[in-house]
Amino acid sequence: MSQEQAPQISEIARRNDEFRRAGPNQDWVATAGAVALSNFPGLVQAVIDYDDFNPDIDPYGEHDMGRIVWEQEKTYWKIDYYDQARQYGLDPLDPACRRILTIMLASEC
């Protein structure tokens, strides 16, 4: 990461953390396998509380993905960036960016 990129990466991570920590809203989705886990609400809370960012899962430092072993299942959550209509990808720093967080089982990736 260059010196020029560091402030941008830091701001993306801040916005992603803020979005994730605010908890579920209409822009959080989950796959059928994740929802079927017996303690899905606990998994959602684990996503909100997640802080295990490391180069293996977060190589760019944007805090846009996490991995959690839950009920002996490997799960992931991922934040993607869209326009307000959720039709096109958008720069994560664009003021019009709409973040979408997906929770899924690794087997569903």
PDB file of N, CA and C in Angstrom:
ATOM      1  N   MET A   1       0.842  -1.171   0.000  1.00  0.00           N
ATOM      2  CA  MET A   1       0.000   0.000   0.000  1.00  0.00           C
ATOM      3  C   MET A   1       0.889   1.236   0.000  1.00  0.00           C
ATOM      4  N   SER A   2       0.593   2.165  -0.873  1.00  0.00           N
ATOM      5  CA  SER A   2       1.384   3.383  -0.948  1.00  0.00           C
ATOM      6  C   SER A   2       0.910   4.391   0.096  1.00  0.00           C
ATOM      7  N   GLN A   3       1.725   5.397   0.331  1.00  0.00           N
ATOM      8  CA  GLN A   3       1.363   6.468   1.272  1.00  0.00           C
ATOM      9  C   GLN A   3       0.085   7.165   0.814  1.00  0.00           C
ATOM     10  N   GLU A   4      -0.114   7.264  -0.505  1.00  0.00           N
ATOM     11  CA  GLU A   4      -1.308   7.922  -1.044  1.00  0.00           C
ATOM     12  C   GLU A   4      -2.563   7.090  -0.780  1.00  0.00           C
ATOM     13  N   GLN A   5      -2.437   5.773  -0.802  1.00  0.00           N
ATOM     14  CA  GLN A   5      -3.587   4.894  -0.622  1.00  0.00           C
ATOM     15  C   GLN A   5      -3.994   4.746   0.837  1.00  0.00           C
ATOM     16  N   ALA A   6      -3.067   4.917   1.755  1.00  0.00           N
ATOM     17  CA  ALA A   6      -3.344   4.658   3.169  1.00  0.00           C
ATOM     18  C   ALA A   6      -4.565   5.406   3.702  1.00  0.00           C
ATOM     19  N   PRO A   7      -4.707   6.721   3.471  1.00  0.00           N
ATOM     20  CA  PRO A   7      -5.898   7.404   3.985  1.00  0.00           C
ATOM     21  C   PRO A   7      -7.196   6.873   3.369  1.00  0.00           C
ATOM     22  N   GLN A   8      -7.161   6.529   2.094  1.00  0.00           N
ATOM     23  CA  GLN A   8      -8.356   5.991   1.444  1.00  0.00           C
ATOM     24  C   GLN A   8      -8.734   4.637   2.034  1.00  0.00           C
ATOM     25  N   ILE A   9      -7.754   3.758   2.204  1.00  0.00           N
ATOM     26  CA  ILE A   9      -8.005   2.432   2.778  1.00  0.00           C
ATOM     27  C   ILE A   9      -8.548   2.579   4.193  1.00  0.00           C
ATOM     28  N   SER A  10      -7.960   3.473   4.943  1.00  0.00           N
ATOM     29  CA  SER A  10      -8.389   3.702   6.315  1.00  0.00           C
ATOM     30  C   SER A  10      -9.846   4.187   6.361  1.00  0.00           C
ATOM     31  N   GLU A  11     -10.219   5.055   5.452  1.00  0.00           N
ATOM     32  CA  GLU A  11     -11.592   5.564   5.408  1.00  0.00           C
ATOM     33  C   GLU A  11     -12.567   4.478   4.966  1.00  0.00           C
ATOM     34  N   ILE A  12     -12.180   3.650   4.019  1.00  0.00           N
ATOM     35  CA  ILE A  12     -13.042   2.532   3.606  1.00  0.00           C
ATOM     36  C   ILE A  12     -13.261   1.593   4.790  1.00  0.00           C
ATOM     37  N   ALA A  13     -12.204   1.257   5.508  1.00  0.00           N
ATOM     38  CA  ALA A  13     -12.322   0.374   6.671  1.00  0.00           C
ATOM     39  C   ALA A  13     -13.223   1.002   7.729  1.00  0.00           C
ATOM     40  N   ARG A  14     -13.080   2.287   7.969  1.00  0.00           N
ATOM     41  CA  ARG A  14     -13.912   2.972   8.961  1.00  0.00           C
ATOM     42  C   ARG A  14     -15.393   2.889   8.572  1.00  0.00           C
ATOM     43  N   ARG A  15     -15.689   3.178   7.309  1.00  0.00           N
ATOM     44  CA  ARG A  15     -17.082   3.126   6.848  1.00  0.00           C
ATOM     45  C   ARG A  15     -17.639   1.705   6.905  1.00  0.00           C
ATOM     46  N   ASN A  16     -16.812   0.724   6.526  1.00  0.00           N
ATOM     47  CA  ASN A  16     -17.266  -0.667   6.586  1.00  0.00           C
ATOM     48  C   ASN A  16     -17.529  -1.097   8.032  1.00  0.00           C
ATOM     49  N   ASP A  17     -16.640  -0.737   8.940  1.00  0.00           N
ATOM     50  CA  ASP A  17     -16.839  -1.074  10.351  1.00  0.00           C
ATOM     51  C   ASP A  17     -18.109  -0.414  10.887  1.00  0.00           C
ATOM     52  N   GLU A  18     -18.316   0.833  10.551  1.00  0.00           N
ATOM     53  CA  GLU A  18     -19.503   1.550  11.011  1.00  0.00           C
ATOM     54  C   GLU A  18     -20.782   0.869  10.501  1.00  0.00           C
ATOM     55  N   PHE A  19     -20.788   0.513   9.227  1.00  0.00           N
ATOM     56  CA  PHE A  19     -21.946  -0.158   8.630  1.00  0.00           C
ATOM     57  C   PHE A  19     -22.205  -1.505   9.312  1.00  0.00           C
ATOM     58  N   ARG A  20     -21.164  -2.296   9.477  1.00  0.00           N
ATOM     59  CA  ARG A  20     -21.300  -3.630  10.068  1.00  0.00           C
ATOM     60  C   ARG A  20     -21.711  -3.554  11.531  1.00  0.00           C
ATOM     61  N   ARG A  21     -21.099  -2.674  12.284  1.00  0.00           N
ATOM     62  CA  ARG A  21     -21.395  -2.567  13.714  1.00  0.00           C
ATOM     63  C   ARG A  21     -22.798  -2.021  13.999  1.00  0.00           C
ATOM     64  N   ALA A  22     -23.388  -1.329  13.029  1.00  0.00           N
ATOM     65  CA  ALA A  22     -24.748  -0.812  13.204  1.00  0.00           C
ATOM     66  C   ALA A  22     -25.770  -1.945  13.221  1.00  0.00           C
ATOM     67  N   GLY A  23     -25.393  -3.094  12.717  1.00  0.00           N
ATOM     68  CA  GLY A  23     -26.281  -4.257  12.756  1.00  0.00           C
ATOM     69  C   GLY A  23     -27.194  -4.347  11.554  1.00  0.00           C
ATOM     70  N   PRO A  24     -27.992  -5.410  11.539  1.00  0.00           N
ATOM     71  CA  PRO A  24     -28.816  -5.722  10.375  1.00  0.00           C
ATOM     72  C   PRO A  24     -29.789  -4.605   9.995  1.00  0.00           C
ATOM     73  N   ASN A  25     -29.926  -4.452   8.704  1.00  0.00           N
ATOM     74  CA  ASN A  25     -30.919  -3.564   8.114  1.00  0.00           C
ATOM     75  C   ASN A  25     -31.285  -4.153   6.752  1.00  0.00           C
ATOM     76  N   GLN A  26     -31.970  -3.410   5.927  1.00  0.00           N
ATOM     77  CA  GLN A  26     -32.409  -3.925   4.632  1.00  0.00           C
ATOM     78  C   GLN A  26     -31.245  -4.247   3.697  1.00  0.00           C
ATOM     79  N   ASP A  27     -30.043  -3.830   4.046  1.00  0.00           N
ATOM     80  CA  ASP A  27     -28.871  -4.092   3.214  1.00  0.00           C
ATOM     81  C   ASP A  27     -27.993  -5.217   3.760  1.00  0.00           C
ATOM     82  N   TRP A  28     -28.534  -5.989   4.676  1.00  0.00           N
ATOM     83  CA  TRP A  28     -27.891  -7.218   5.144  1.00  0.00           C
ATOM     84  C   TRP A  28     -28.681  -8.378   4.556  1.00  0.00           C
ATOM     85  N   VAL A  29     -27.976  -9.342   3.994  1.00  0.00           N
ATOM     86  CA  VAL A  29     -28.627 -10.541   3.472  1.00  0.00           C
ATOM     87  C   VAL A  29     -27.868 -11.768   3.963  1.00  0.00           C
ATOM     88  N   ALA A  30     -28.552 -12.900   3.939  1.00  0.00           N
ATOM     89  CA  ALA A  30     -27.913 -14.151   4.348  1.00  0.00           C
ATOM     90  C   ALA A  30     -28.398 -15.259   3.426  1.00  0.00           C
ATOM     91  N   THR A  31     -27.537 -16.215   3.186  1.00  0.00           N
ATOM     92  CA  THR A  31     -27.896 -17.362   2.363  1.00  0.00           C
ATOM     93  C   THR A  31     -28.780 -18.307   3.166  1.00  0.00           C
ATOM     94  N   ALA A  32     -29.441 -19.195   2.461  1.00  0.00           N
ATOM     95  CA  ALA A  32     -30.333 -20.165   3.113  1.00  0.00           C
ATOM     96  C   ALA A  32     -29.573 -21.028   4.116  1.00  0.00           C
ATOM     97  N   GLY A  33     -28.365 -21.430   3.777  1.00  0.00           N
ATOM     98  CA  GLY A  33     -27.574 -22.258   4.683  1.00  0.00           C
ATOM     99  C   GLY A  33     -27.220 -21.539   5.967  1.00  0.00           C
ATOM    100  N   ALA A  34     -26.881 -20.273   5.875  1.00  0.00           N
ATOM    101  CA  ALA A  34     -26.545 -19.500   7.070  1.00  0.00           C
ATOM    102  C   ALA A  34     -27.773 -19.320   7.957  1.00  0.00           C
ATOM    103  N   VAL A  35     -28.892 -18.984   7.354  1.00  0.00           N
ATOM    104  CA  VAL A  35     -30.132 -18.780   8.118  1.00  0.00           C
ATOM    105  C   VAL A  35     -30.572 -20.074   8.798  1.00  0.00           C
ATOM    106  N   ALA A  36     -30.269 -21.220   8.202  1.00  0.00           N
ATOM    107  CA  ALA A  36     -30.690 -22.510   8.741  1.00  0.00           C
ATOM    108  C   ALA A  36     -29.885 -22.934   9.975  1.00  0.00           C
ATOM    109  N   LEU A  37     -28.780 -22.264  10.276  1.00  0.00           N
ATOM    110  CA  LEU A  37     -28.019 -22.614  11.474  1.00  0.00           C
ATOM    111  C   LEU A  37     -28.900 -22.404  12.704  1.00  0.00           C
ATOM    112  N   SER A  38     -28.762 -23.281  13.684  1.00  0.00           N
ATOM    113  CA  SER A  38     -29.664 -23.235  14.836  1.00  0.00           C
ATOM    114  C   SER A  38     -29.537 -21.946  15.646  1.00  0.00           C
ATOM    115  N   ASN A  39     -28.378 -21.307  15.632  1.00  0.00           N
ATOM    116  CA  ASN A  39     -28.223 -20.049  16.357  1.00  0.00           C
ATOM    117  C   ASN A  39     -27.807 -18.942  15.387  1.00  0.00           C
ATOM    118  N   PHE A  40     -28.610 -18.733  14.365  1.00  0.00           N
ATOM    119  CA  PHE A  40     -28.310 -17.682  13.394  1.00  0.00           C
ATOM    120  C   PHE A  40     -28.211 -16.307  14.067  1.00  0.00           C
ATOM    121  N   PRO A  41     -29.100 -15.954  15.020  1.00  0.00           N
ATOM    122  CA  PRO A  41     -28.943 -14.647  15.676  1.00  0.00           C
ATOM    123  C   PRO A  41     -27.576 -14.486  16.350  1.00  0.00           C
ATOM    124  N   GLY A  42     -27.031 -15.555  16.887  1.00  0.00           N
ATOM    125  CA  GLY A  42     -25.699 -15.496  17.477  1.00  0.00           C
ATOM    126  C   GLY A  42     -24.625 -15.219  16.437  1.00  0.00           C
ATOM    127  N   LEU A  43     -24.785 -15.815  15.259  1.00  0.00           N
ATOM    128  CA  LEU A  43     -23.848 -15.561  14.158  1.00  0.00           C
ATOM    129  C   LEU A  43     -23.918 -14.095  13.741  1.00  0.00           C
ATOM    130  N   VAL A  44     -25.117 -13.561  13.645  1.00  0.00           N
ATOM    131  CA  VAL A  44     -25.270 -12.142  13.296  1.00  0.00           C
ATOM    132  C   VAL A  44     -24.528 -11.276  14.315  1.00  0.00           C
ATOM    133  N   GLN A  45     -24.675 -11.576  15.585  1.00  0.00           N
ATOM    134  CA  GLN A  45     -23.973 -10.805  16.617  1.00  0.00           C
ATOM    135  C   GLN A  45     -22.464 -10.968  16.468  1.00  0.00           C
ATOM    136  N   ALA A  46     -22.005 -12.164  16.114  1.00  0.00           N
ATOM    137  CA  ALA A  46     -20.569 -12.388  15.909  1.00  0.00           C
ATOM    138  C   ALA A  46     -20.041 -11.548  14.741  1.00  0.00           C
ATOM    139  N   VAL A  47     -20.867 -11.364  13.710  1.00  0.00           N
ATOM    140  CA  VAL A  47     -20.473 -10.500  12.587  1.00  0.00           C
ATOM    141  C   VAL A  47     -20.370  -9.050  13.073  1.00  0.00           C
ATOM    142  N   ILE A  48     -21.345  -8.599  13.831  1.00  0.00           N
ATOM    143  CA  ILE A  48     -21.318  -7.234  14.366  1.00  0.00           C
ATOM    144  C   ILE A  48     -20.058  -7.009  15.195  1.00  0.00           C
ATOM    145  N   ASP A  49     -19.708  -7.983  16.023  1.00  0.00           N
ATOM    146  CA  ASP A  49     -18.576  -7.862  16.950  1.00  0.00           C
ATOM    147  C   ASP A  49     -17.224  -8.220  16.332  1.00  0.00           C
ATOM    148  N   TYR A  50     -17.190  -8.671  15.113  1.00  0.00           N
ATOM    149  CA  TYR A  50     -15.986  -9.199  14.475  1.00  0.00           C
ATOM    150  C   TYR A  50     -14.825  -8.200  14.536  1.00  0.00           C
ATOM    151  N   ASP A  51     -13.645  -8.706  14.901  1.00  0.00           N
ATOM    152  CA  ASP A  51     -12.450  -7.855  14.893  1.00  0.00           C
ATOM    153  C   ASP A  51     -11.176  -8.640  14.558  1.00  0.00           C
ATOM    154  N   ASP A  52     -11.325  -9.800  13.947  1.00  0.00           N
ATOM    155  CA  ASP A  52     -10.178 -10.662  13.633  1.00  0.00           C
ATOM    156  C   ASP A  52      -9.642 -10.384  12.230  1.00  0.00           C
ATOM    157  N   PHE A  53      -9.392  -9.135  11.921  1.00  0.00           N
ATOM    158  CA  PHE A  53      -8.884  -8.777  10.598  1.00  0.00           C
ATOM    159  C   PHE A  53      -7.391  -9.080  10.546  1.00  0.00           C
ATOM    160  N   ASN A  54      -6.996  -9.824   9.538  1.00  0.00           N
ATOM    161  CA  ASN A  54      -5.594 -10.174   9.352  1.00  0.00           C
ATOM    162  C   ASN A  54      -5.349 -10.305   7.852  1.00  0.00           C
ATOM    163  N   PRO A  55      -4.101 -10.333   7.430  1.00  0.00           N
ATOM    164  CA  PRO A  55      -3.796 -10.359   5.996  1.00  0.00           C
ATOM    165  C   PRO A  55      -4.389 -11.555   5.236  1.00  0.00           C
ATOM    166  N   ASP A  56      -4.645 -12.669   5.927  1.00  0.00           N
ATOM    167  CA  ASP A  56      -5.227 -13.820   5.233  1.00  0.00           C
ATOM    168  C   ASP A  56      -6.642 -13.542   4.746  1.00  0.00           C
ATOM    169  N   ILE A  57      -7.435 -12.866   5.553  1.00  0.00           N
ATOM    170  CA  ILE A  57      -8.834 -12.624   5.209  1.00  0.00           C
ATOM    171  C   ILE A  57      -9.064 -11.182   4.748  1.00  0.00           C
ATOM    172  N   ASP A  58      -8.173 -10.281   5.094  1.00  0.00           N
ATOM    173  CA  ASP A  58      -8.339  -8.856   4.783  1.00  0.00           C
ATOM    174  C   ASP A  58      -7.032  -8.288   4.228  1.00  0.00           C
ATOM    175  N   PRO A  59      -6.591  -8.772   3.068  1.00  0.00           N
ATOM    176  CA  PRO A  59      -5.268  -8.388   2.572  1.00  0.00           C
ATOM    177  C   PRO A  59      -5.121  -6.902   2.250  1.00  0.00           C
ATOM    178  N   TYR A  60      -6.213  -6.205   1.973  1.00  0.00           N
ATOM    179  CA  TYR A  60      -6.115  -4.787   1.623  1.00  0.00           C
ATOM    180  C   TYR A  60      -6.444  -3.866   2.795  1.00  0.00           C
ATOM    181  N   GLY A  61      -6.827  -4.440   3.937  1.00  0.00           N
ATOM    182  CA  GLY A  61      -7.101  -3.641   5.118  1.00  0.00           C
ATOM    183  C   GLY A  61      -8.396  -2.859   5.066  1.00  0.00           C
ATOM    184  N   GLU A  62      -9.333  -3.280   4.229  1.00  0.00           N
ATOM    185  CA  GLU A  62     -10.589  -2.551   4.066  1.00  0.00           C
ATOM    186  C   GLU A  62     -11.703  -3.021   5.003  1.00  0.00           C
ATOM    187  N   HIS A  63     -11.472  -4.076   5.754  1.00  0.00           N
ATOM    188  CA  HIS A  63     -12.482  -4.632   6.674  1.00  0.00           C
ATOM    189  C   HIS A  63     -13.781  -4.944   5.936  1.00  0.00           C
ATOM    190  N   ASP A  64     -13.634  -5.534   4.758  1.00  0.00           N
ATOM    191  CA  ASP A  64     -14.813  -5.845   3.935  1.00  0.00           C
ATOM    192  C   ASP A  64     -15.164  -7.327   3.914  1.00  0.00           C
ATOM    193  N   MET A  65     -14.428  -8.139   4.682  1.00  0.00           N
ATOM    194  CA  MET A  65     -14.699  -9.572   4.708  1.00  0.00           C
ATOM    195  C   MET A  65     -14.202 -10.162   6.015  1.00  0.00           C
ATOM    196  N   GLY A  66     -14.927 -11.192   6.478  1.00  0.00           N
ATOM    197  CA  GLY A  66     -14.511 -11.882   7.685  1.00  0.00           C
ATOM    198  C   GLY A  66     -14.857 -13.357   7.612  1.00  0.00           C
ATOM    199  N   ARG A  67     -14.181 -14.130   8.441  1.00  0.00           N
ATOM    200  CA  ARG A  67     -14.378 -15.580   8.497  1.00  0.00           C
ATOM    201  C   ARG A  67     -14.658 -15.951   9.947  1.00  0.00           C
ATOM    202  N   ILE A  68     -15.725 -16.728  10.168  1.00  0.00           N
ATOM    203  CA  ILE A  68     -16.105 -17.142  11.514  1.00  0.00           C
ATOM    204  C   ILE A  68     -16.470 -18.619  11.469  1.00  0.00           C
ATOM    205  N   VAL A  69     -15.910 -19.411  12.355  1.00  0.00           N
ATOM    206  CA  VAL A  69     -16.359 -20.793  12.504  1.00  0.00           C
ATOM    207  C   VAL A  69     -17.521 -20.753  13.495  1.00  0.00           C
ATOM    208  N   TRP A  70     -18.683 -21.198  13.040  1.00  0.00           N
ATOM    209  CA  TRP A  70     -19.903 -21.110  13.832  1.00  0.00           C
ATOM    210  C   TRP A  70     -20.622 -22.452  13.776  1.00  0.00           C
ATOM    211  N   GLU A  71     -20.885 -23.030  14.905  1.00  0.00           N
ATOM    212  CA  GLU A  71     -21.538 -24.340  14.972  1.00  0.00           C
ATOM    213  C   GLU A  71     -20.828 -25.359  14.072  1.00  0.00           C
ATOM    214  N   GLN A  72     -19.520 -25.399  14.165  1.00  0.00           N
ATOM    215  CA  GLN A  72     -18.661 -26.278  13.382  1.00  0.00           C
ATOM    216  C   GLN A  72     -18.750 -26.031  11.873  1.00  0.00           C
ATOM    217  N   GLU A  73     -19.305 -24.917  11.476  1.00  0.00           N
ATOM    218  CA  GLU A  73     -19.390 -24.541  10.061  1.00  0.00           C
ATOM    219  C   GLU A  73     -18.505 -23.325   9.815  1.00  0.00           C
ATOM    220  N   LYS A  74     -17.741 -23.372   8.734  1.00  0.00           N
ATOM    221  CA  LYS A  74     -16.976 -22.197   8.344  1.00  0.00           C
ATOM    222  C   LYS A  74     -17.945 -21.244   7.638  1.00  0.00           C
ATOM    223  N   THR A  75     -18.037 -20.030   8.151  1.00  0.00           N
ATOM    224  CA  THR A  75     -18.904 -19.022   7.543  1.00  0.00           C
ATOM    225  C   THR A  75     -18.070 -17.813   7.148  1.00  0.00           C
ATOM    226  N   TYR A  76     -18.607 -17.058   6.223  1.00  0.00           N
ATOM    227  CA  TYR A  76     -17.988 -15.813   5.786  1.00  0.00           C
ATOM    228  C   TYR A  76     -19.035 -14.713   5.790  1.00  0.00           C
ATOM    229  N   TRP A  77     -18.573 -13.500   5.950  1.00  0.00           N
ATOM    230  CA  TRP A  77     -19.408 -12.344   5.652  1.00  0.00           C
ATOM    231  C   TRP A  77     -18.598 -11.451   4.727  1.00  0.00           C
ATOM    232  N   LYS A  78     -19.289 -10.743   3.859  1.00  0.00           N
ATOM    233  CA  LYS A  78     -18.625  -9.930   2.835  1.00  0.00           C
ATOM    234  C   LYS A  78     -19.433  -8.676   2.602  1.00  0.00           C
ATOM    235  N   ILE A  79     -18.765  -7.545   2.481  1.00  0.00           N
ATOM    236  CA  ILE A  79     -19.409  -6.291   2.121  1.00  0.00           C
ATOM    237  C   ILE A  79     -19.065  -5.977   0.676  1.00  0.00           C
ATOM    238  N   ASP A  80     -20.100  -5.697  -0.121  1.00  0.00           N
ATOM    239  CA  ASP A  80     -19.929  -5.274  -1.509  1.00  0.00           C
ATOM    240  C   ASP A  80     -20.507  -3.873  -1.655  1.00  0.00           C
ATOM    241  N   TYR A  81     -20.114  -3.202  -2.742  1.00  0.00           N
ATOM    242  CA  TYR A  81     -20.445  -1.791  -2.930  1.00  0.00           C
ATOM    243  C   TYR A  81     -21.264  -1.610  -4.210  1.00  0.00           C
ATOM    244  N   TYR A  82     -22.425  -0.985  -4.066  1.00  0.00           N
ATOM    245  CA  TYR A  82     -23.335  -0.798  -5.193  1.00  0.00           C
ATOM    246  C   TYR A  82     -23.834   0.637  -5.263  1.00  0.00           C
ATOM    247  N   ASP A  83     -24.470   0.934  -6.406  1.00  0.00           N
ATOM    248  CA  ASP A  83     -25.212   2.180  -6.515  1.00  0.00           C
ATOM    249  C   ASP A  83     -26.507   2.032  -5.717  1.00  0.00           C
ATOM    250  N   GLN A  84     -27.279   3.091  -5.586  1.00  0.00           N
ATOM    251  CA  GLN A  84     -28.479   3.053  -4.757  1.00  0.00           C
ATOM    252  C   GLN A  84     -29.524   2.061  -5.254  1.00  0.00           C
ATOM    253  N   ALA A  85     -29.553   1.775  -6.544  1.00  0.00           N
ATOM    254  CA  ALA A  85     -30.512   0.804  -7.104  1.00  0.00           C
ATOM    255  C   ALA A  85     -29.977  -0.627  -7.021  1.00  0.00           C
ATOM    256  N   ARG A  86     -28.791  -0.798  -6.523  1.00  0.00           N
ATOM    257  CA  ARG A  86     -28.137  -2.112  -6.407  1.00  0.00           C
ATOM    258  C   ARG A  86     -28.007  -2.811  -7.765  1.00  0.00           C
ATOM    259  N   GLN A  87     -27.726  -2.023  -8.781  1.00  0.00           N
ATOM    260  CA  GLN A  87     -27.553  -2.582 -10.121  1.00  0.00           C
ATOM    261  C   GLN A  87     -26.095  -2.620 -10.554  1.00  0.00           C
ATOM    262  N   TYR A  88     -25.300  -1.661 -10.101  1.00  0.00           N
ATOM    263  CA  TYR A  88     -23.926  -1.531 -10.556  1.00  0.00           C
ATOM    264  C   TYR A  88     -22.986  -1.371  -9.376  1.00  0.00           C
ATOM    265  N   GLY A  89     -21.779  -1.854  -9.564  1.00  0.00           N
ATOM    266  CA  GLY A  89     -20.764  -1.650  -8.544  1.00  0.00           C
ATOM    267  C   GLY A  89     -20.405  -0.177  -8.449  1.00  0.00           C
ATOM    268  N   LEU A  90     -19.972   0.238  -7.278  1.00  0.00           N
ATOM    269  CA  LEU A  90     -19.637   1.641  -7.061  1.00  0.00           C
ATOM    270  C   LEU A  90     -18.397   1.738  -6.185  1.00  0.00           C
ATOM    271  N   ASP A  91     -17.655   2.800  -6.334  1.00  0.00           N
ATOM    272  CA  ASP A  91     -16.489   3.064  -5.501  1.00  0.00           C
ATOM    273  C   ASP A  91     -16.940   3.155  -4.041  1.00  0.00           C
ATOM    274  N   PRO A  92     -16.258   2.469  -3.128  1.00  0.00           N
ATOM    275  CA  PRO A  92     -16.685   2.478  -1.723  1.00  0.00           C
ATOM    276  C   PRO A  92     -16.595   3.839  -1.045  1.00  0.00           C
ATOM    277  N   LEU A  93     -15.904   4.803  -1.657  1.00  0.00           N
ATOM    278  CA  LEU A  93     -15.825   6.146  -1.088  1.00  0.00           C
ATOM    279  C   LEU A  93     -16.815   7.112  -1.729  1.00  0.00           C
ATOM    280  N   ASP A  94     -17.520   6.678  -2.754  1.00  0.00           N
ATOM    281  CA  ASP A  94     -18.528   7.523  -3.390  1.00  0.00           C
ATOM    282  C   ASP A  94     -19.646   7.802  -2.386  1.00  0.00           C
ATOM    283  N   PRO A  95     -20.080   9.043  -2.242  1.00  0.00           N
ATOM    284  CA  PRO A  95     -21.158   9.353  -1.295  1.00  0.00           C
ATOM    285  C   PRO A  95     -22.456   8.594  -1.578  1.00  0.00           C
ATOM    286  N   ALA A  96     -22.654   8.176  -2.803  1.00  0.00           N
ATOM    287  CA  ALA A  96     -23.873   7.441  -3.167  1.00  0.00           C
ATOM    288  C   ALA A  96     -23.734   5.934  -2.965  1.00  0.00           C
ATOM    289  N   CYS A  97     -22.588   5.490  -2.479  1.00  0.00           N
ATOM    290  CA  CYS A  97     -22.345   4.056  -2.312  1.00  0.00           C
ATOM    291  C   CYS A  97     -23.328   3.439  -1.325  1.00  0.00           C
ATOM    292  N   ARG A  98     -23.860   2.292  -1.731  1.00  0.00           N
ATOM    293  CA  ARG A  98     -24.746   1.495  -0.863  1.00  0.00           C
ATOM    294  C   ARG A  98     -24.020   0.200  -0.537  1.00  0.00           C
ATOM    295  N   ARG A  99     -23.744  -0.011   0.717  1.00  0.00           N
ATOM    296  CA  ARG A  99     -23.052  -1.216   1.152  1.00  0.00           C
ATOM    297  C   ARG A  99     -24.064  -2.340   1.357  1.00  0.00           C
ATOM    298  N   ILE A 100     -23.692  -3.541   0.907  1.00  0.00           N
ATOM    299  CA  ILE A 100     -24.512  -4.736   1.086  1.00  0.00           C
ATOM    300  C   ILE A 100     -23.642  -5.769   1.791  1.00  0.00           C
ATOM    301  N   LEU A 101     -24.111  -6.265   2.926  1.00  0.00           N
ATOM    302  CA  LEU A 101     -23.369  -7.273   3.676  1.00  0.00           C
ATOM    303  C   LEU A 101     -24.079  -8.611   3.513  1.00  0.00           C
ATOM    304  N   THR A 102     -23.335  -9.618   3.097  1.00  0.00           N
ATOM    305  CA  THR A 102     -23.869 -10.967   2.920  1.00  0.00           C
ATOM    306  C   THR A 102     -23.185 -11.913   3.893  1.00  0.00           C
ATOM    307  N   ILE A 103     -23.984 -12.723   4.577  1.00  0.00           N
ATOM    308  CA  ILE A 103     -23.484 -13.776   5.459  1.00  0.00           C
ATOM    309  C   ILE A 103     -23.755 -15.111   4.774  1.00  0.00           C
ATOM    310  N   MET A 104     -22.735 -15.982   4.695  1.00  0.00           N
ATOM    311  CA  MET A 104     -22.893 -17.238   3.965  1.00  0.00           C
ATOM    312  C   MET A 104     -22.051 -18.342   4.576  1.00  0.00           C
ATOM    313  N   LEU A 105     -22.402 -19.569   4.291  1.00  0.00           N
ATOM    314  CA  LEU A 105     -21.549 -20.710   4.623  1.00  0.00           C
ATOM    315  C   LEU A 105     -20.449 -20.789   3.589  1.00  0.00           C
ATOM    316  N   ALA A 106     -19.291 -21.267   3.986  1.00  0.00           N
ATOM    317  CA  ALA A 106     -18.193 -21.430   3.031  1.00  0.00           C
ATOM    318  C   ALA A 106     -18.608 -22.367   1.905  1.00  0.00           C
ATOM    319  N   SER A 107     -19.413 -23.364   2.215  1.00  0.00           N
ATOM    320  CA  SER A 107     -19.844 -24.310   1.188  1.00  0.00           C
ATOM    321  C   SER A 107     -20.777 -23.688   0.158  1.00  0.00           C
ATOM    322  N   GLU A 108     -21.274 -22.492   0.433  1.00  0.00           N
ATOM    323  CA  GLU A 108     -22.170 -21.809  -0.500  1.00  0.00           C
ATOM    324  C   GLU A 108     -21.445 -20.781  -1.363  1.00  0.00           C
ATOM    325  N   CYS A 109     -20.153 -20.611  -1.148  1.00  0.00           N
ATOM    326  CA  CYS A 109     -19.389 -19.608  -1.917  1.00  0.00           C
ATOM    327  C   CYS A 109     -19.174 -20.056  -3.344  1.00  0.00           C
TER     328      CYS A 109
END
